[in-house]
Amino acid sequence: MGSPEPASAVEQAVAARIAAAVARREQRRSDRAARACRRVYGLAQRHSAKLRRLDDRDRATGAADE
């Protein structure tokens, strides 16, 4: 660990494979986070749409009752 020595081709290949594996893992983590955000947003949108439909239906049946 004293002086920096030029890395052999094998060491460079190993380092490149490790770097690629780390990059893939980070990309998968980022993709999972993005999917989770989209899923939460989609659930909120569907829930608000359902509440809007229920409210519209209640107003329509309420108006018919009066």
C-alpha atoms as a PDB file:
ATOM      1  CA  MET A   1       0.000   0.000   0.000  1.00  0.00           C
ATOM      2  CA  GLY A   2       3.030   2.245  -0.190  1.00  0.00           C
ATOM      3  CA  SER A   3       3.616   3.659  -3.624  1.00  0.00           C
ATOM      4  CA  PRO A   4       0.877   3.522  -6.238  1.00  0.00           C
ATOM      5  CA  GLU A   5       1.644   0.741  -8.666  1.00  0.00           C
ATOM      6  CA  PRO A   6       0.058   0.388 -12.072  1.00  0.00           C
ATOM      7  CA  ALA A   7      -2.832  -2.044 -11.849  1.00  0.00           C
ATOM      8  CA  SER A   8      -2.608  -5.199 -13.898  1.00  0.00           C
ATOM      9  CA  ALA A   9      -5.183  -5.957 -16.551  1.00  0.00           C
ATOM     10  CA  VAL A  10      -6.783  -8.526 -14.244  1.00  0.00           C
ATOM     11  CA  GLU A  11      -7.060  -6.031 -11.391  1.00  0.00           C
ATOM     12  CA  GLN A  12      -8.542  -3.461 -13.755  1.00  0.00           C
ATOM     13  CA  ALA A  13     -11.085  -5.999 -15.028  1.00  0.00           C
ATOM     14  CA  VAL A  14     -12.049  -6.959 -11.477  1.00  0.00           C
ATOM     15  CA  ALA A  15     -12.426  -3.309 -10.504  1.00  0.00           C
ATOM     16  CA  ALA A  16     -14.566  -2.670 -13.595  1.00  0.00           C
ATOM     17  CA  ARG A  17     -16.848  -5.609 -12.789  1.00  0.00           C
ATOM     18  CA  ILE A  18     -17.225  -4.443  -9.182  1.00  0.00           C
ATOM     19  CA  ALA A  19     -18.013  -0.902 -10.332  1.00  0.00           C
ATOM     20  CA  ALA A  20     -20.584  -2.240 -12.811  1.00  0.00           C
ATOM     21  CA  ALA A  21     -22.238  -4.370 -10.121  1.00  0.00           C
ATOM     22  CA  VAL A  22     -22.431  -1.407  -7.758  1.00  0.00           C
ATOM     23  CA  ALA A  23     -23.894   0.766 -10.510  1.00  0.00           C
ATOM     24  CA  ARG A  24     -26.542  -1.880 -11.331  1.00  0.00           C
ATOM     25  CA  ARG A  25     -27.478  -2.176  -7.662  1.00  0.00           C
ATOM     26  CA  GLU A  26     -27.828   1.593  -7.315  1.00  0.00           C
ATOM     27  CA  GLN A  27     -29.891   1.744 -10.507  1.00  0.00           C
ATOM     28  CA  ARG A  28     -32.235  -0.980  -9.231  1.00  0.00           C
ATOM     29  CA  ARG A  29     -32.616   0.873  -5.934  1.00  0.00           C
ATOM     30  CA  SER A  30     -33.439   4.070  -7.798  1.00  0.00           C
ATOM     31  CA  ASP A  31     -35.932   2.237 -10.042  1.00  0.00           C
ATOM     32  CA  ARG A  32     -37.655   0.685  -7.025  1.00  0.00           C
ATOM     33  CA  ALA A  33     -37.947   4.085  -5.355  1.00  0.00           C
ATOM     34  CA  ALA A  34     -39.411   5.614  -8.515  1.00  0.00           C
ATOM     35  CA  ARG A  35     -41.919   2.769  -8.879  1.00  0.00           C
ATOM     36  CA  ALA A  36     -42.933   3.154  -5.227  1.00  0.00           C
ATOM     37  CA  CYS A  37     -43.530   6.884  -5.730  1.00  0.00           C
ATOM     38  CA  ARG A  38     -45.611   6.258  -8.845  1.00  0.00           C
ATOM     39  CA  ARG A  39     -47.578   3.533  -7.070  1.00  0.00           C
ATOM     40  CA  VAL A  40     -48.371   5.797  -4.103  1.00  0.00           C
ATOM     41  CA  TYR A  41     -49.340   8.629  -6.439  1.00  0.00           C
ATOM     42  CA  GLY A  42     -51.553   6.289  -8.462  1.00  0.00           C
ATOM     43  CA  LEU A  43     -53.260   4.972  -5.338  1.00  0.00           C
ATOM     44  CA  ALA A  44     -53.971   8.512  -4.177  1.00  0.00           C
ATOM     45  CA  GLN A  45     -55.375   9.420  -7.582  1.00  0.00           C
ATOM     46  CA  ARG A  46     -57.637   6.367  -7.695  1.00  0.00           C
ATOM     47  CA  HIS A  47     -58.811   6.989  -4.135  1.00  0.00           C
ATOM     48  CA  SER A  48     -59.678  10.618  -4.815  1.00  0.00           C
ATOM     49  CA  ALA A  49     -61.473   9.601  -8.022  1.00  0.00           C
ATOM     50  CA  LYS A  50     -63.494   7.034  -6.074  1.00  0.00           C
ATOM     51  CA  LEU A  51     -64.429   9.602  -3.452  1.00  0.00           C
ATOM     52  CA  ARG A  52     -65.419  12.038  -6.203  1.00  0.00           C
ATOM     53  CA  ARG A  53     -67.642   9.396  -7.848  1.00  0.00           C
ATOM     54  CA  LEU A  54     -69.266   8.540  -4.510  1.00  0.00           C
ATOM     55  CA  ASP A  55     -69.859  12.211  -3.797  1.00  0.00           C
ATOM     56  CA  ASP A  56     -71.390  12.739  -7.246  1.00  0.00           C
ATOM     57  CA  ARG A  57     -73.611   9.692  -6.770  1.00  0.00           C
ATOM     58  CA  ASP A  58     -74.709  10.863  -3.309  1.00  0.00           C
ATOM     59  CA  ARG A  59     -75.552  14.302  -4.683  1.00  0.00           C
ATOM     60  CA  ALA A  60     -77.486  12.767  -7.576  1.00  0.00           C
ATOM     61  CA  THR A  61     -79.524  10.468  -5.321  1.00  0.00           C
ATOM     62  CA  GLY A  62     -79.908  13.228  -2.730  1.00  0.00           C
ATOM     63  CA  ALA A  63     -81.309  15.580  -5.327  1.00  0.00           C
ATOM     64  CA  ALA A  64     -83.776  12.903  -6.436  1.00  0.00           C
ATOM     65  CA  ASP A  65     -84.955  12.392  -2.835  1.00  0.00           C
ATOM     66  CA  GLU A  66     -85.751  16.068  -2.314  1.00  0.00           C
END
